[in-house]
Amino acid sequence: MMQAREAGCVSSQPATLILGLGNPLRGDDGVGPFVVKELLGRQLPNNVEVLDGGSGGLTLLQVMEGWDRVIVVDAAKVGRQPGQFVRFRPDQAHLAQRSDGFSIHQSGLGEALTLAQALDQTIPEIVIFGVQPAKTDWGQGLSPPVQAALPTLLDAVWHEIMGESSKEDDIKE
């Protein structure tokens, strides 16, 4: 799922990719793809694309290549109550090399960024919205706490797209 940039579109704003990660067949792990689906229904600026990145993996390096800015939405163990989310940059969190992992995926964003660093690849500016899941077992549908947090999450992501977000960490319920 992607909204394509218009060919030859020149903007003073950086080209931004909104990347929803997760598996909608695993409960709250589907929050990223759900946000993507909602954003595709909105009128986005010409310099913004939205992509369902699925369960991530090392292919995220290719997906992020060439973008000025990437905004990631993913279910993540952020130590909060289910449905709460945290806005952060990769340098503000330990995303890889933990046995339980920060992301729910086996090979996710943290591992992709670690590989990029090892390969001396340039990565775009990245902002992550990590949403604390209540359930990630097999089954469709978001839990009530994550479902209830969606309007606030979508509002926060929209403000980030529009450049209206504070650059400080944000914890939302």
C-alpha atoms as a PDB file:
ATOM      1  CA  MET A   1       0.000   0.000   0.000  1.00  0.00           C
ATOM      2  CA  MET A   2       1.594   3.242  -1.027  1.00  0.00           C
ATOM      3  CA  GLN A   3       0.643   6.717  -2.055  1.00  0.00           C
ATOM      4  CA  ALA A   4       3.137   7.710  -4.724  1.00  0.00           C
ATOM      5  CA  ARG A   5       4.877  11.050  -4.919  1.00  0.00           C
ATOM      6  CA  GLU A   6       4.095  12.995  -8.057  1.00  0.00           C
ATOM      7  CA  ALA A   7       6.957  12.811 -10.521  1.00  0.00           C
ATOM      8  CA  GLY A   8       8.982  15.979 -10.582  1.00  0.00           C
ATOM      9  CA  CYS A   9       7.277  17.381  -7.492  1.00  0.00           C
ATOM     10  CA  VAL A  10       9.602  19.858  -5.812  1.00  0.00           C
ATOM     11  CA  SER A  11       8.865  20.898  -2.268  1.00  0.00           C
ATOM     12  CA  SER A  12      10.663  22.944   0.346  1.00  0.00           C
ATOM     13  CA  GLN A  13       9.697  20.263   2.862  1.00  0.00           C
ATOM     14  CA  PRO A  14      11.789  17.091   3.153  1.00  0.00           C
ATOM     15  CA  ALA A  15      10.419  13.973   1.459  1.00  0.00           C
ATOM     16  CA  THR A  16       8.780  11.943   4.222  1.00  0.00           C
ATOM     17  CA  LEU A  17       7.858   8.278   4.421  1.00  0.00           C
ATOM     18  CA  ILE A  18       5.299   7.120   6.964  1.00  0.00           C
ATOM     19  CA  LEU A  19       6.141   3.476   7.625  1.00  0.00           C
ATOM     20  CA  GLY A  20       3.661   1.292   9.492  1.00  0.00           C
ATOM     21  CA  LEU A  21       5.228  -1.919  10.762  1.00  0.00           C
ATOM     22  CA  GLY A  22       3.500  -5.003  12.082  1.00  0.00           C
ATOM     23  CA  ASN A  23       1.305  -7.982  11.394  1.00  0.00           C
ATOM     24  CA  PRO A  24      -2.464  -7.351  11.600  1.00  0.00           C
ATOM     25  CA  LEU A  25      -2.991 -11.085  12.209  1.00  0.00           C
ATOM     26  CA  ARG A  26      -1.236 -10.731  15.593  1.00  0.00           C
ATOM     27  CA  GLY A  27      -3.552  -8.448  17.534  1.00  0.00           C
ATOM     28  CA  ASP A  28      -1.982  -5.146  18.542  1.00  0.00           C
ATOM     29  CA  ASP A  29       1.036  -5.834  16.354  1.00  0.00           C
ATOM     30  CA  GLY A  30      -1.243  -4.577  13.572  1.00  0.00           C
ATOM     31  CA  VAL A  31      -1.283  -1.005  14.866  1.00  0.00           C
ATOM     32  CA  GLY A  32       1.273   0.184  12.277  1.00  0.00           C
ATOM     33  CA  PRO A  33      -0.661  -1.140   9.265  1.00  0.00           C
ATOM     34  CA  PHE A  34      -3.880   0.226  10.779  1.00  0.00           C
ATOM     35  CA  VAL A  35      -2.378   3.741  10.983  1.00  0.00           C
ATOM     36  CA  VAL A  36      -1.200   3.405   7.365  1.00  0.00           C
ATOM     37  CA  LYS A  37      -4.721   2.479   6.249  1.00  0.00           C
ATOM     38  CA  GLU A  38      -6.187   5.475   8.074  1.00  0.00           C
ATOM     39  CA  LEU A  39      -3.612   7.911   6.673  1.00  0.00           C
ATOM     40  CA  LEU A  40      -4.197   6.707   3.119  1.00  0.00           C
ATOM     41  CA  GLY A  41      -7.755   7.999   3.517  1.00  0.00           C
ATOM     42  CA  ARG A  42      -6.505  11.526   4.195  1.00  0.00           C
ATOM     43  CA  GLN A  43      -5.249  14.225   1.868  1.00  0.00           C
ATOM     44  CA  LEU A  44      -1.495  14.067   2.399  1.00  0.00           C
ATOM     45  CA  PRO A  45       1.076  16.639   1.300  1.00  0.00           C
ATOM     46  CA  ASN A  46       2.767  15.841  -2.034  1.00  0.00           C
ATOM     47  CA  ASN A  47       6.083  15.173  -0.305  1.00  0.00           C
ATOM     48  CA  VAL A  48       4.640  12.385   1.890  1.00  0.00           C
ATOM     49  CA  GLU A  49       4.188   8.700   1.106  1.00  0.00           C
ATOM     50  CA  VAL A  50       2.630   6.063   3.308  1.00  0.00           C
ATOM     51  CA  LEU A  51       3.727   2.432   3.260  1.00  0.00           C
ATOM     52  CA  ASP A  52       2.682  -0.730   5.073  1.00  0.00           C
ATOM     53  CA  GLY A  53       6.098  -2.221   5.830  1.00  0.00           C
ATOM     54  CA  GLY A  54       4.692  -5.516   7.096  1.00  0.00           C
ATOM     55  CA  SER A  55       6.841  -7.258   9.665  1.00  0.00           C
ATOM     56  CA  GLY A  56       9.927  -5.297   8.746  1.00  0.00           C
ATOM     57  CA  GLY A  57      13.179  -7.173   8.586  1.00  0.00           C
ATOM     58  CA  LEU A  58      16.442  -6.144   7.040  1.00  0.00           C
ATOM     59  CA  THR A  59      14.672  -5.016   3.852  1.00  0.00           C
ATOM     60  CA  LEU A  60      13.783  -1.888   5.825  1.00  0.00           C
ATOM     61  CA  LEU A  61      17.171  -0.526   4.764  1.00  0.00           C
ATOM     62  CA  GLN A  62      16.045  -0.548   1.132  1.00  0.00           C
ATOM     63  CA  VAL A  63      12.640   0.859   2.036  1.00  0.00           C
ATOM     64  CA  MET A  64      14.176   3.832   3.898  1.00  0.00           C
ATOM     65  CA  GLU A  65      16.814   4.535   1.261  1.00  0.00           C
ATOM     66  CA  GLY A  66      16.487   7.919  -0.418  1.00  0.00           C
ATOM     67  CA  TRP A  67      14.055   9.478   2.061  1.00  0.00           C
ATOM     68  CA  ASP A  68      14.879  12.627   4.001  1.00  0.00           C
ATOM     69  CA  ARG A  69      12.673  11.618   6.919  1.00  0.00           C
ATOM     70  CA  VAL A  70      10.945   8.403   8.014  1.00  0.00           C
ATOM     71  CA  ILE A  71       8.182   8.270  10.598  1.00  0.00           C
ATOM     72  CA  VAL A  72       7.738   4.722  11.915  1.00  0.00           C
ATOM     73  CA  VAL A  73       4.638   3.462  13.734  1.00  0.00           C
ATOM     74  CA  ASP A  74       5.013   0.072  15.405  1.00  0.00           C
ATOM     75  CA  ALA A  75       3.880  -1.935  18.392  1.00  0.00           C
ATOM     76  CA  ALA A  76       6.797  -2.018  20.803  1.00  0.00           C
ATOM     77  CA  LYS A  77       7.571  -2.905  24.375  1.00  0.00           C
ATOM     78  CA  VAL A  78       7.966   0.615  25.732  1.00  0.00           C
ATOM     79  CA  GLY A  79       7.250  -0.134  29.390  1.00  0.00           C
ATOM     80  CA  ARG A  80       3.921   1.708  29.443  1.00  0.00           C
ATOM     81  CA  GLN A  81       0.286   0.785  29.858  1.00  0.00           C
ATOM     82  CA  PRO A  82      -1.308  -0.866  26.782  1.00  0.00           C
ATOM     83  CA  GLY A  83      -2.304   1.779  24.273  1.00  0.00           C
ATOM     84  CA  GLN A  84       0.180   4.361  25.485  1.00  0.00           C
ATOM     85  CA  PHE A  85       2.805   5.364  22.978  1.00  0.00           C
ATOM     86  CA  VAL A  86       6.193   6.974  23.044  1.00  0.00           C
ATOM     87  CA  ARG A  87       7.706   9.232  20.375  1.00  0.00           C
ATOM     88  CA  PHE A  88      11.468   8.904  20.116  1.00  0.00           C
ATOM     89  CA  ARG A  89      14.458   8.812  17.800  1.00  0.00           C
ATOM     90  CA  PRO A  90      16.675   5.722  17.422  1.00  0.00           C
ATOM     91  CA  ASP A  91      19.533   7.365  19.320  1.00  0.00           C
ATOM     92  CA  GLN A  92      17.242   7.737  22.343  1.00  0.00           C
ATOM     93  CA  ALA A  93      16.566   4.009  22.762  1.00  0.00           C
ATOM     94  CA  HIS A  94      18.337   0.689  22.638  1.00  0.00           C
ATOM     95  CA  LEU A  95      16.682  -0.930  19.599  1.00  0.00           C
ATOM     96  CA  ALA A  96      18.820  -4.010  19.098  1.00  0.00           C
ATOM     97  CA  GLN A  97      20.915  -6.665  20.784  1.00  0.00           C
ATOM     98  CA  ARG A  98      18.418  -7.501  23.519  1.00  0.00           C
ATOM     99  CA  SER A  99      17.228 -11.073  23.786  1.00  0.00           C
ATOM    100  CA  ASP A 100      13.594  -9.997  24.191  1.00  0.00           C
ATOM    101  CA  GLY A 101      14.004  -7.262  21.577  1.00  0.00           C
ATOM    102  CA  PHE A 102      12.520  -3.787  21.571  1.00  0.00           C
ATOM    103  CA  SER A 103      10.368  -4.439  18.536  1.00  0.00           C
ATOM    104  CA  ILE A 104       8.077  -7.433  18.469  1.00  0.00           C
ATOM    105  CA  HIS A 105       9.536  -8.666  15.168  1.00  0.00           C
ATOM    106  CA  GLN A 106      12.460 -11.100  15.056  1.00  0.00           C
ATOM    107  CA  SER A 107      14.475  -8.894  12.740  1.00  0.00           C
ATOM    108  CA  GLY A 108      13.169  -5.397  12.868  1.00  0.00           C
ATOM    109  CA  LEU A 109      14.073  -1.770  12.776  1.00  0.00           C
ATOM    110  CA  GLY A 110      16.789  -2.026  15.413  1.00  0.00           C
ATOM    111  CA  GLU A 111      18.633  -4.741  13.556  1.00  0.00           C
ATOM    112  CA  ALA A 112      18.249  -2.868  10.250  1.00  0.00           C
ATOM    113  CA  LEU A 113      19.729   0.294  11.760  1.00  0.00           C
ATOM    114  CA  THR A 114      22.575  -1.678  13.325  1.00  0.00           C
ATOM    115  CA  LEU A 115      23.337  -3.190   9.910  1.00  0.00           C
ATOM    116  CA  ALA A 116      23.219   0.260   8.281  1.00  0.00           C
ATOM    117  CA  GLN A 117      25.743   1.523  10.815  1.00  0.00           C
ATOM    118  CA  ALA A 118      28.009  -1.491  10.217  1.00  0.00           C
ATOM    119  CA  LEU A 119      27.829  -0.895   6.457  1.00  0.00           C
ATOM    120  CA  ASP A 120      28.412   2.837   6.928  1.00  0.00           C
ATOM    121  CA  GLN A 121      25.122   3.583   5.152  1.00  0.00           C
ATOM    122  CA  THR A 122      23.468   6.952   5.483  1.00  0.00           C
ATOM    123  CA  ILE A 123      20.052   6.719   7.055  1.00  0.00           C
ATOM    124  CA  PRO A 124      17.337   9.364   7.021  1.00  0.00           C
ATOM    125  CA  GLU A 125      16.083  11.276  10.026  1.00  0.00           C
ATOM    126  CA  ILE A 126      13.861   8.774  11.867  1.00  0.00           C
ATOM    127  CA  VAL A 127      11.077   9.363  14.361  1.00  0.00           C
ATOM    128  CA  ILE A 128       9.415   6.328  15.931  1.00  0.00           C
ATOM    129  CA  PHE A 129       6.010   6.059  17.535  1.00  0.00           C
ATOM    130  CA  GLY A 130       6.200   2.923  19.685  1.00  0.00           C
ATOM    131  CA  VAL A 131       2.792   1.746  20.904  1.00  0.00           C
ATOM    132  CA  GLN A 132       2.617  -0.532  23.959  1.00  0.00           C
ATOM    133  CA  PRO A 133       0.552  -3.595  22.957  1.00  0.00           C
ATOM    134  CA  ALA A 134      -1.857  -5.455  25.228  1.00  0.00           C
ATOM    135  CA  LYS A 135      -1.865  -8.618  23.095  1.00  0.00           C
ATOM    136  CA  THR A 136       0.226  -9.914  20.225  1.00  0.00           C
ATOM    137  CA  ASP A 137      -1.040 -13.461  19.972  1.00  0.00           C
ATOM    138  CA  TRP A 138      -2.683 -14.779  16.818  1.00  0.00           C
ATOM    139  CA  GLY A 139      -5.983 -13.118  16.044  1.00  0.00           C
ATOM    140  CA  GLN A 140      -7.196 -10.095  14.160  1.00  0.00           C
ATOM    141  CA  GLY A 141      -8.228  -6.860  15.747  1.00  0.00           C
ATOM    142  CA  LEU A 142      -6.686  -4.400  18.117  1.00  0.00           C
ATOM    143  CA  SER A 143      -7.237  -4.637  21.864  1.00  0.00           C
ATOM    144  CA  PRO A 144      -9.621  -2.110  23.456  1.00  0.00           C
ATOM    145  CA  PRO A 145      -6.780   0.000  24.970  1.00  0.00           C
ATOM    146  CA  VAL A 146      -4.910   0.256  21.655  1.00  0.00           C
ATOM    147  CA  GLN A 147      -8.161   0.898  19.770  1.00  0.00           C
ATOM    148  CA  ALA A 148      -9.001   3.692  22.248  1.00  0.00           C
ATOM    149  CA  ALA A 149      -5.565   5.287  21.740  1.00  0.00           C
ATOM    150  CA  LEU A 150      -5.839   5.443  17.935  1.00  0.00           C
ATOM    151  CA  PRO A 151      -7.329   8.958  17.648  1.00  0.00           C
ATOM    152  CA  THR A 152      -4.537  10.396  19.817  1.00  0.00           C
ATOM    153  CA  LEU A 153      -1.892   8.378  17.957  1.00  0.00           C
ATOM    154  CA  LEU A 154      -3.193   9.436  14.542  1.00  0.00           C
ATOM    155  CA  ASP A 155      -3.286  13.059  15.712  1.00  0.00           C
ATOM    156  CA  ALA A 156       0.334  12.829  16.932  1.00  0.00           C
ATOM    157  CA  VAL A 157       1.499  11.257  13.653  1.00  0.00           C
ATOM    158  CA  TRP A 158      -0.400  13.889  11.662  1.00  0.00           C
ATOM    159  CA  HIS A 159       1.287  16.686  13.635  1.00  0.00           C
ATOM    160  CA  GLU A 160       4.636  15.017  12.988  1.00  0.00           C
ATOM    161  CA  ILE A 161       3.889  14.901   9.247  1.00  0.00           C
ATOM    162  CA  MET A 162       2.952  18.560   9.251  1.00  0.00           C
ATOM    163  CA  GLY A 163       6.056  19.529  11.213  1.00  0.00           C
ATOM    164  CA  GLU A 164       3.982  20.677  14.190  1.00  0.00           C
ATOM    165  CA  SER A 165       5.320  18.142  16.671  1.00  0.00           C
ATOM    166  CA  SER A 166       7.691  19.073  19.432  1.00  0.00           C
ATOM    167  CA  LYS A 167      11.121  17.547  19.053  1.00  0.00           C
ATOM    168  CA  GLU A 168      10.999  16.277  22.631  1.00  0.00           C
ATOM    169  CA  ASP A 169       9.968  12.793  23.666  1.00  0.00           C
ATOM    170  CA  ASP A 170       6.235  12.443  24.079  1.00  0.00           C
ATOM    171  CA  ILE A 171       4.307   9.873  26.057  1.00  0.00           C
ATOM    172  CA  LYS A 172       0.626   9.736  25.265  1.00  0.00           C
ATOM    173  CA  GLU A 173      -2.262   7.764  26.670  1.00  0.00           C
END
